[in-house]
Amino acid sequence: MEKRWRQLSEAVEGCDQILILLHDDPDPDSVASGAALRFLLSEKLGVEGQVAYRGIIGRAENRALVDYLGVELEQLPSEPLMPELGSKAVAVVDTQPGAGNSPLPAGYPAAIVIDHHSDLDGEGAIFRDVRPWIGASSTIMTQYLRAAGVKPPMRLATALFYGIKTDTKALSRDTSAADVGAYFYLLSFVDVDALVEIENARVPASYFRNLARAMEAAKLYDGVVVSFLDEVDYPDLTAEIADLFLRLEGVNWVICMGVYDETLYISVRARDEAADAEELAQEIIGDEGSAGGRNTLAGGQISLEGKDAHTIAEKLRQRIFEYLNVPQDAQGEPLI
């Protein structure tokens, strides 16, 4: 890691400022990783960073984390960023240029790319650290802090710990030895009371209305749950519902879909570590949108551009059945 840290340092040599981009609609792992990179570059190299994202931070726990962390996050417009970046140094964290959830197109000359998802083999980055076998980008950033000899402040340590915990489901999925090491290293710095508050953040009444709609729409097909929510209040609600449905006894796969701001969001969850949720997401979305993920969780999106969401959702349902060998004429059992 010391060699990687030297290479990362060299990538921003001569820079005074850097724009740190998270993936769209960032989750705890993305937020914590971006904040950690900002802190590290400022503390060790004197490079000041601005953390930014596109989309919305909608999940109650994620908003609570951002409030607790106290790092100002800039919300970017949905338009392409290329004309606005100019000569700014750019880092991309928990995603990669060209990924479906990235603000940057493929080939953009970023100074730094750090991610734990599938390697897109992108070109142009001065420093690139993409390790798909690691469960969370927060793990990678914890390694950099340790390699640089920097102890994370309590708030940052709590955020990184929560990032690892959420992405690996408390070390129960897609977990490497590095994740375990980072998790227990951070544990001694964690603000336990704050973590409890974040994990139990209050939710609006609309959350329960959306949950009721998701449950009414859900159908069970011999270990597979498919639910189309129609309009949702924020994009990552589909992921939140998918995580909940995966707890259902006897379920091996969950695919949850919902519409937000003229975009169809798809979340895929798998029970078995040997599954390939990313492949399923890519297979059902195809070239109509973008998808990415890991063994047990994945997601994607399709821009509707005036197209009927119900028609597209039905097409995806048919592809889901084909991939998972569910008969096309299967009626499914209502969840409730």
Foldseek 3Di string as FASTA:
>chain_A
DLVLLVLLLVLQPPAQEEEEEFFALDDLLRVLLSVLVQCVCCVQPNHHYAYEHEFDPPDLLRVLLCVLLVHDYHYDYPDQCVVVCPPHAYEYEQDDACAQRGSHHAADQHSYYQHQWDDPPGDRHSRYHYHVLAQGSLLVSLVSCVSSVHDDAQSSLQSSLVRLCVSCVHVPASHDPSSVVSNVVSVVSYPVVSNVCSVPGDDDPVLVVLLVQQLQQWFDFQQEIEGESEADPGQCSQVVSQVVVCPDPRHAKYWYWYDDPQKIKIKIFGDDNQAQRQVLQCQLCPVQWGKTDGRGIIMIMGRCVVPDPVVSSLSSVQSSCVVVVGDPPDPGDRSD
